[in-house]
Amino acid sequence: LLSINSTIGGPARSALTANLVPKKLLINAVAANTA
C-alpha cells in the first residue's frame, strides 16, 4: 500500500517544484530537494 502511495505522490511533488520557483532558481531548488 505504501509503495503505491509514495509513487503516486512522488511525481506530483517533483513537478510542483517547477511551479513554485522561478526558472533561473529551479536547479537550486532541485539541489535542495536532493540534499
PDB file of all heavy atoms in Angstrom:
ATOM      1  N   LEU A   1       0.826  -1.214   0.000  1.00  0.00           N
ATOM      2  CA  LEU A   1       0.000   0.000   0.000  1.00  0.00           C
ATOM      3  C   LEU A   1       0.858   1.262   0.000  1.00  0.00           C
ATOM      4  O   LEU A   1       0.591   2.215  -0.744  1.00  0.00           O
ATOM      5  CB  LEU A   1      -0.927   0.001   1.213  1.00  0.00           C
ATOM      6  CG  LEU A   1      -2.036  -1.050   1.233  1.00  0.00           C
ATOM      7  CD1 LEU A   1      -2.764  -1.032   2.578  1.00  0.00           C
ATOM      8  CD2 LEU A   1      -3.026  -0.807   0.093  1.00  0.00           C
ATOM      9  N   LEU A   2       1.897   1.276   0.826  1.00  0.00           N
ATOM     10  CA  LEU A   2       2.738   2.471   0.935  1.00  0.00           C
ATOM     11  C   LEU A   2       3.661   2.635  -0.275  1.00  0.00           C
ATOM     12  O   LEU A   2       4.051   3.759  -0.608  1.00  0.00           O
ATOM     13  CB  LEU A   2       3.544   2.424   2.234  1.00  0.00           C
ATOM     14  CG  LEU A   2       2.692   2.584   3.502  1.00  0.00           C
ATOM     15  CD1 LEU A   2       3.511   2.285   4.746  1.00  0.00           C
ATOM     16  CD2 LEU A   2       2.097   3.984   3.588  1.00  0.00           C
ATOM     17  N   SER A   3       3.997   1.530  -0.934  1.00  0.00           N
ATOM     18  CA  SER A   3       4.780   1.621  -2.171  1.00  0.00           C
ATOM     19  C   SER A   3       3.954   2.303  -3.262  1.00  0.00           C
ATOM     20  O   SER A   3       4.452   3.184  -3.978  1.00  0.00           O
ATOM     21  CB  SER A   3       5.214   0.231  -2.640  1.00  0.00           C
ATOM     22  OG  SER A   3       6.108  -0.348  -1.716  1.00  0.00           O
ATOM     23  N   ILE A   4       2.708   1.902  -3.383  1.00  0.00           N
ATOM     24  CA  ILE A   4       1.800   2.546  -4.339  1.00  0.00           C
ATOM     25  C   ILE A   4       1.611   4.013  -3.969  1.00  0.00           C
ATOM     26  O   ILE A   4       1.691   4.910  -4.813  1.00  0.00           O
ATOM     27  CB  ILE A   4       0.433   1.828  -4.371  1.00  0.00           C
ATOM     28  CG1 ILE A   4       0.591   0.401  -4.907  1.00  0.00           C
ATOM     29  CG2 ILE A   4      -0.581   2.609  -5.204  1.00  0.00           C
ATOM     30  CD1 ILE A   4      -0.641  -0.458  -4.740  1.00  0.00           C
ATOM     31  N   ASN A   5       1.389   4.257  -2.691  1.00  0.00           N
ATOM     32  CA  ASN A   5       1.111   5.607  -2.206  1.00  0.00           C
ATOM     33  C   ASN A   5       2.269   6.572  -2.478  1.00  0.00           C
ATOM     34  O   ASN A   5       2.072   7.690  -2.960  1.00  0.00           O
ATOM     35  CB  ASN A   5       0.832   5.547  -0.705  1.00  0.00           C
ATOM     36  CG  ASN A   5       0.351   6.865  -0.139  1.00  0.00           C
ATOM     37  OD1 ASN A   5      -0.632   7.426  -0.612  1.00  0.00           O
ATOM     38  ND2 ASN A   5       1.050   7.366   0.856  1.00  0.00           N
ATOM     39  N   SER A   6       3.496   6.127  -2.189  1.00  0.00           N
ATOM     40  CA  SER A   6       4.649   7.015  -2.356  1.00  0.00           C
ATOM     41  C   SER A   6       4.919   7.329  -3.822  1.00  0.00           C
ATOM     42  O   SER A   6       5.309   8.448  -4.163  1.00  0.00           O
ATOM     43  CB  SER A   6       5.896   6.399  -1.711  1.00  0.00           C
ATOM     44  OG  SER A   6       6.285   5.223  -2.397  1.00  0.00           O
ATOM     45  N   THR A   7       4.694   6.351  -4.702  1.00  0.00           N
ATOM     46  CA  THR A   7       4.971   6.581  -6.113  1.00  0.00           C
ATOM     47  C   THR A   7       3.853   7.362  -6.803  1.00  0.00           C
ATOM     48  O   THR A   7       4.079   7.952  -7.865  1.00  0.00           O
ATOM     49  CB  THR A   7       5.203   5.252  -6.861  1.00  0.00           C
ATOM     50  OG1 THR A   7       4.175   4.320  -6.521  1.00  0.00           O
ATOM     51  CG2 THR A   7       6.542   4.661  -6.493  1.00  0.00           C
ATOM     52  N   ILE A   8       2.674   7.399  -6.210  1.00  0.00           N
ATOM     53  CA  ILE A   8       1.616   8.249  -6.739  1.00  0.00           C
ATOM     54  C   ILE A   8       1.861   9.705  -6.334  1.00  0.00           C
ATOM     55  O   ILE A   8       1.667  10.628  -7.117  1.00  0.00           O
ATOM     56  CB  ILE A   8       0.226   7.768  -6.258  1.00  0.00           C
ATOM     57  CG1 ILE A   8      -0.193   6.519  -7.057  1.00  0.00           C
ATOM     58  CG2 ILE A   8      -0.819   8.863  -6.388  1.00  0.00           C
ATOM     59  CD1 ILE A   8      -1.507   5.926  -6.657  1.00  0.00           C
ATOM     60  N   GLY A   9       2.348   9.912  -5.119  1.00  0.00           N
ATOM     61  CA  GLY A   9       2.613  11.268  -4.648  1.00  0.00           C
ATOM     62  C   GLY A   9       3.922  11.849  -5.150  1.00  0.00           C
ATOM     63  O   GLY A   9       4.058  13.072  -5.277  1.00  0.00           O
ATOM     64  N   GLY A  10       4.900  10.991  -5.467  1.00  0.00           N
ATOM     65  CA  GLY A  10       6.235  11.451  -5.850  1.00  0.00           C
ATOM     66  C   GLY A  10       6.284  12.351  -7.081  1.00  0.00           C
ATOM     67  O   GLY A  10       6.873  13.441  -7.043  1.00  0.00           O
ATOM     68  N   PRO A  11       5.683  11.938  -8.215  1.00  0.00           N
ATOM     69  CA  PRO A  11       5.714  12.804  -9.407  1.00  0.00           C
ATOM     70  C   PRO A  11       5.070  14.167  -9.169  1.00  0.00           C
ATOM     71  O   PRO A  11       5.544  15.179  -9.697  1.00  0.00           O
ATOM     72  CB  PRO A  11       4.927  11.987 -10.443  1.00  0.00           C
ATOM     73  CG  PRO A  11       5.105  10.568 -10.019  1.00  0.00           C
ATOM     74  CD  PRO A  11       5.102  10.613  -8.517  1.00  0.00           C
ATOM     75  N   ALA A  12       4.002  14.205  -8.381  1.00  0.00           N
ATOM     76  CA  ALA A  12       3.343  15.481  -8.077  1.00  0.00           C
ATOM     77  C   ALA A  12       4.282  16.400  -7.313  1.00  0.00           C
ATOM     78  O   ALA A  12       4.369  17.604  -7.586  1.00  0.00           O
ATOM     79  CB  ALA A  12       2.071  15.230  -7.268  1.00  0.00           C
ATOM     80  N   ARG A  13       5.022  15.828  -6.369  1.00  0.00           N
ATOM     81  CA  ARG A  13       5.959  16.625  -5.567  1.00  0.00           C
ATOM     82  C   ARG A  13       7.084  17.189  -6.441  1.00  0.00           C
ATOM     83  O   ARG A  13       7.444  18.363  -6.328  1.00  0.00           O
ATOM     84  CB  ARG A  13       6.543  15.748  -4.452  1.00  0.00           C
ATOM     85  CG  ARG A  13       7.336  16.509  -3.406  1.00  0.00           C
ATOM     86  CD  ARG A  13       7.875  15.556  -2.355  1.00  0.00           C
ATOM     87  NE  ARG A  13       6.823  14.941  -1.563  1.00  0.00           N
ATOM     88  CZ  ARG A  13       6.218  15.525  -0.540  1.00  0.00           C
ATOM     89  NH1 ARG A  13       6.554  16.755  -0.189  1.00  0.00           N
ATOM     90  NH2 ARG A  13       5.283  14.881   0.140  1.00  0.00           N
ATOM     91  N   SER A  14       7.634  16.359  -7.318  1.00  0.00           N
ATOM     92  CA  SER A  14       8.713  16.814  -8.199  1.00  0.00           C
ATOM     93  C   SER A  14       8.225  17.861  -9.194  1.00  0.00           C
ATOM     94  O   SER A  14       8.874  18.887  -9.410  1.00  0.00           O
ATOM     95  CB  SER A  14       9.315  15.627  -8.958  1.00  0.00           C
ATOM     96  OG  SER A  14       9.921  14.711  -8.068  1.00  0.00           O
ATOM     97  N   ALA A  15       7.063  17.597  -9.804  1.00  0.00           N
ATOM     98  CA  ALA A  15       6.533  18.525 -10.804  1.00  0.00           C
ATOM     99  C   ALA A  15       6.128  19.857 -10.166  1.00  0.00           C
ATOM    100  O   ALA A  15       6.233  20.912 -10.807  1.00  0.00           O
ATOM    101  CB  ALA A  15       5.333  17.894 -11.511  1.00  0.00           C
ATOM    102  N   LEU A  16       5.673  19.824  -8.923  1.00  0.00           N
ATOM    103  CA  LEU A  16       5.232  21.040  -8.240  1.00  0.00           C
ATOM    104  C   LEU A  16       6.386  22.014  -8.013  1.00  0.00           C
ATOM    105  O   LEU A  16       6.187  23.235  -8.015  1.00  0.00           O
ATOM    106  CB  LEU A  16       4.575  20.677  -6.905  1.00  0.00           C
ATOM    107  CG  LEU A  16       4.052  21.835  -6.040  1.00  0.00           C
ATOM    108  CD1 LEU A  16       2.996  22.635  -6.792  1.00  0.00           C
ATOM    109  CD2 LEU A  16       3.504  21.299  -4.718  1.00  0.00           C
ATOM    110  N   THR A  17       7.591  21.487  -7.826  1.00  0.00           N
ATOM    111  CA  THR A  17       8.753  22.350  -7.573  1.00  0.00           C
ATOM    112  C   THR A  17       8.886  23.424  -8.648  1.00  0.00           C
ATOM    113  O   THR A  17       9.134  24.590  -8.353  1.00  0.00           O
ATOM    114  CB  THR A  17      10.045  21.511  -7.504  1.00  0.00           C
ATOM    115  OG1 THR A  17       9.911  20.510  -6.495  1.00  0.00           O
ATOM    116  CG2 THR A  17      11.245  22.386  -7.174  1.00  0.00           C
ATOM    117  N   ALA A  18       8.708  23.016  -9.913  1.00  0.00           N
ATOM    118  CA  ALA A  18       8.851  23.963 -11.032  1.00  0.00           C
ATOM    119  C   ALA A  18       7.755  25.017 -11.037  1.00  0.00           C
ATOM    120  O   ALA A  18       7.910  26.073 -11.662  1.00  0.00           O
ATOM    121  CB  ALA A  18       8.866  23.207 -12.352  1.00  0.00           C
ATOM    122  N   ASN A  19       6.628  24.739 -10.372  1.00  0.00           N
ATOM    123  CA  ASN A  19       5.544  25.714 -10.294  1.00  0.00           C
ATOM    124  C   ASN A  19       5.780  26.775  -9.228  1.00  0.00           C
ATOM    125  O   ASN A  19       5.133  27.820  -9.239  1.00  0.00           O
ATOM    126  CB  ASN A  19       4.209  25.013  -9.978  1.00  0.00           C
ATOM    127  CG  ASN A  19       3.766  24.071 -11.074  1.00  0.00           C
ATOM    128  OD1 ASN A  19       3.463  22.919 -10.815  1.00  0.00           O
ATOM    129  ND2 ASN A  19       3.728  24.547 -12.308  1.00  0.00           N
ATOM    130  N   LEU A  20       6.693  26.512  -8.307  1.00  0.00           N
ATOM    131  CA  LEU A  20       6.837  27.378  -7.139  1.00  0.00           C
ATOM    132  C   LEU A  20       8.038  28.305  -7.188  1.00  0.00           C
ATOM    133  O   LEU A  20       8.097  29.278  -6.436  1.00  0.00           O
ATOM    134  CB  LEU A  20       6.920  26.526  -5.863  1.00  0.00           C
ATOM    135  CG  LEU A  20       5.735  25.607  -5.572  1.00  0.00           C
ATOM    136  CD1 LEU A  20       5.969  24.854  -4.266  1.00  0.00           C
ATOM    137  CD2 LEU A  20       4.435  26.381  -5.508  1.00  0.00           C
ATOM    138  N   VAL A  21       9.019  28.004  -8.036  1.00  0.00           N
ATOM    139  CA  VAL A  21      10.236  28.832  -8.073  1.00  0.00           C
ATOM    140  C   VAL A  21      10.474  29.348  -9.494  1.00  0.00           C
ATOM    141  O   VAL A  21      10.080  28.700 -10.466  1.00  0.00           O
ATOM    142  CB  VAL A  21      11.481  28.045  -7.589  1.00  0.00           C
ATOM    143  CG1 VAL A  21      11.304  27.593  -6.153  1.00  0.00           C
ATOM    144  CG2 VAL A  21      11.762  26.862  -8.492  1.00  0.00           C
ATOM    145  N   PRO A  22      11.131  30.502  -9.630  1.00  0.00           N
ATOM    146  CA  PRO A  22      11.465  30.997 -10.970  1.00  0.00           C
ATOM    147  C   PRO A  22      12.391  30.018 -11.687  1.00  0.00           C
ATOM    148  O   PRO A  22      13.148  29.279 -11.055  1.00  0.00           O
ATOM    149  CB  PRO A  22      12.193  32.322 -10.683  1.00  0.00           C
ATOM    150  CG  PRO A  22      11.800  32.703  -9.304  1.00  0.00           C
ATOM    151  CD  PRO A  22      11.555  31.431  -8.567  1.00  0.00           C
ATOM    152  N   LYS A  23      12.338  30.035 -13.008  1.00  0.00           N
ATOM    153  CA  LYS A  23      13.117  29.103 -13.824  1.00  0.00           C
ATOM    154  C   LYS A  23      14.607  29.160 -13.492  1.00  0.00           C
ATOM    155  O   LYS A  23      15.274  28.125 -13.405  1.00  0.00           O
ATOM    156  CB  LYS A  23      12.887  29.412 -15.298  1.00  0.00           C
ATOM    157  CG  LYS A  23      13.506  28.415 -16.264  1.00  0.00           C
ATOM    158  CD  LYS A  23      13.156  28.766 -17.695  1.00  0.00           C
ATOM    159  CE  LYS A  23      13.773  27.770 -18.672  1.00  0.00           C
ATOM    160  NZ  LYS A  23      13.446  28.110 -20.083  1.00  0.00           N
ATOM    161  N   LYS A  24      15.126  30.371 -13.266  1.00  0.00           N
ATOM    162  CA  LYS A  24      16.568  30.510 -13.029  1.00  0.00           C
ATOM    163  C   LYS A  24      16.998  29.942 -11.677  1.00  0.00           C
ATOM    164  O   LYS A  24      18.187  29.696 -11.444  1.00  0.00           O
ATOM    165  CB  LYS A  24      16.983  31.972 -13.126  1.00  0.00           C
ATOM    166  CG  LYS A  24      16.439  32.867 -12.022  1.00  0.00           C
ATOM    167  CD  LYS A  24      16.958  34.286 -12.169  1.00  0.00           C
ATOM    168  CE  LYS A  24      16.458  35.185 -11.037  1.00  0.00           C
ATOM    169  NZ  LYS A  24      17.002  36.559 -11.158  1.00  0.00           N
ATOM    170  N   LEU A  25      16.032  29.710 -10.772  1.00  0.00           N
ATOM    171  CA  LEU A  25      16.354  29.166  -9.451  1.00  0.00           C
ATOM    172  C   LEU A  25      15.981  27.690  -9.323  1.00  0.00           C
ATOM    173  O   LEU A  25      16.196  27.091  -8.268  1.00  0.00           O
ATOM    174  CB  LEU A  25      15.632  29.961  -8.351  1.00  0.00           C
ATOM    175  CG  LEU A  25      16.012  31.436  -8.195  1.00  0.00           C
ATOM    176  CD1 LEU A  25      15.185  32.083  -7.094  1.00  0.00           C
ATOM    177  CD2 LEU A  25      17.498  31.587  -7.899  1.00  0.00           C
ATOM    178  N   LEU A  26      15.431  27.106 -10.397  1.00  0.00           N
ATOM    179  CA  LEU A  26      14.927  25.735 -10.289  1.00  0.00           C
ATOM    180  C   LEU A  26      16.030  24.744  -9.937  1.00  0.00           C
ATOM    181  O   LEU A  26      15.832  23.848  -9.114  1.00  0.00           O
ATOM    182  CB  LEU A  26      14.244  25.314 -11.595  1.00  0.00           C
ATOM    183  CG  LEU A  26      13.668  23.891 -11.594  1.00  0.00           C
ATOM    184  CD1 LEU A  26      12.618  23.721 -10.499  1.00  0.00           C
ATOM    185  CD2 LEU A  26      13.065  23.547 -12.951  1.00  0.00           C
ATOM    186  N   ILE A  27      17.204  24.888 -10.552  1.00  0.00           N
ATOM    187  CA  ILE A  27      18.276  23.929 -10.287  1.00  0.00           C
ATOM    188  C   ILE A  27      18.701  23.973  -8.818  1.00  0.00           C
ATOM    189  O   ILE A  27      19.048  22.956  -8.218  1.00  0.00           O
ATOM    190  CB  ILE A  27      19.480  24.156 -11.222  1.00  0.00           C
ATOM    191  CG1 ILE A  27      20.426  22.943 -11.155  1.00  0.00           C
ATOM    192  CG2 ILE A  27      20.215  25.438 -10.900  1.00  0.00           C
ATOM    193  CD1 ILE A  27      21.440  22.916 -12.265  1.00  0.00           C
ATOM    194  N   ASN A  28      18.625  25.160  -8.196  1.00  0.00           N
ATOM    195  CA  ASN A  28      18.946  25.275  -6.771  1.00  0.00           C
ATOM    196  C   ASN A  28      17.875  24.611  -5.913  1.00  0.00           C
ATOM    197  O   ASN A  28      18.175  24.010  -4.881  1.00  0.00           O
ATOM    198  CB  ASN A  28      19.105  26.743  -6.382  1.00  0.00           C
ATOM    199  CG  ASN A  28      20.284  27.397  -7.067  1.00  0.00           C
ATOM    200  OD1 ASN A  28      21.243  26.717  -7.443  1.00  0.00           O
ATOM    201  ND2 ASN A  28      20.226  28.695  -7.263  1.00  0.00           N
ATOM    202  N   ALA A  29      16.627  24.727  -6.350  1.00  0.00           N
ATOM    203  CA  ALA A  29      15.537  24.072  -5.628  1.00  0.00           C
ATOM    204  C   ALA A  29      15.674  22.551  -5.706  1.00  0.00           C
ATOM    205  O   ALA A  29      15.479  21.842  -4.715  1.00  0.00           O
ATOM    206  CB  ALA A  29      14.193  24.515  -6.198  1.00  0.00           C
ATOM    207  N   VAL A  30      16.017  22.043  -6.890  1.00  0.00           N
ATOM    208  CA  VAL A  30      16.232  20.593  -7.057  1.00  0.00           C
ATOM    209  C   VAL A  30      17.423  20.145  -6.218  1.00  0.00           C
ATOM    210  O   VAL A  30      17.409  19.059  -5.618  1.00  0.00           O
ATOM    211  CB  VAL A  30      16.421  20.226  -8.540  1.00  0.00           C
ATOM    212  CG1 VAL A  30      16.750  18.743  -8.690  1.00  0.00           C
ATOM    213  CG2 VAL A  30      15.173  20.562  -9.339  1.00  0.00           C
ATOM    214  N   ALA A  31      18.470  20.987  -6.146  1.00  0.00           N
ATOM    215  CA  ALA A  31      19.637  20.671  -5.305  1.00  0.00           C
ATOM    216  C   ALA A  31      19.224  20.562  -3.840  1.00  0.00           C
ATOM    217  O   ALA A  31      19.667  19.656  -3.126  1.00  0.00           O
ATOM    218  CB  ALA A  31      20.712  21.745  -5.472  1.00  0.00           C
ATOM    219  N   ALA A  32      18.379  21.484  -3.389  1.00  0.00           N
ATOM    220  CA  ALA A  32      17.894  21.433  -2.005  1.00  0.00           C
ATOM    221  C   ALA A  32      17.067  20.173  -1.774  1.00  0.00           C
ATOM    222  O   ALA A  32      17.154  19.538  -0.716  1.00  0.00           O
ATOM    223  CB  ALA A  32      17.070  22.679  -1.687  1.00  0.00           C
ATOM    224  N   ASN A  33      16.262  19.785  -2.777  1.00  0.00           N
ATOM    225  CA  ASN A  33      15.460  18.561  -2.661  1.00  0.00           C
ATOM    226  C   ASN A  33      16.357  17.327  -2.553  1.00  0.00           C
ATOM    227  O   ASN A  33      16.095  16.412  -1.755  1.00  0.00           O
ATOM    228  CB  ASN A  33      14.544  18.409  -3.878  1.00  0.00           C
ATOM    229  CG  ASN A  33      13.485  19.493  -3.952  1.00  0.00           C
ATOM    230  OD1 ASN A  33      13.253  20.214  -2.981  1.00  0.00           O
ATOM    231  ND2 ASN A  33      12.852  19.627  -5.100  1.00  0.00           N
ATOM    232  N   THR A  34      17.425  17.288  -3.368  1.00  0.00           N
ATOM    233  CA  THR A  34      18.354  16.163  -3.334  1.00  0.00           C
ATOM    234  C   THR A  34      19.063  16.085  -1.986  1.00  0.00           C
ATOM    235  O   THR A  34      19.212  14.999  -1.407  1.00  0.00           O
ATOM    236  CB  THR A  34      19.402  16.298  -4.459  1.00  0.00           C
ATOM    237  OG1 THR A  34      18.731  16.411  -5.718  1.00  0.00           O
ATOM    238  CG2 THR A  34      20.325  15.093  -4.500  1.00  0.00           C
ATOM    239  N   ALA A  35      19.492  17.246  -1.484  1.00  0.00           N
ATOM    240  CA  ALA A  35      20.142  17.278  -0.174  1.00  0.00           C
ATOM    241  C   ALA A  35      19.190  16.798   0.917  1.00  0.00           C
ATOM    242  O   ALA A  35      19.594  16.097   1.853  1.00  0.00           O
ATOM    243  CB  ALA A  35      20.621  18.697   0.140  1.00  0.00           C
TER     244      ALA A  35
END
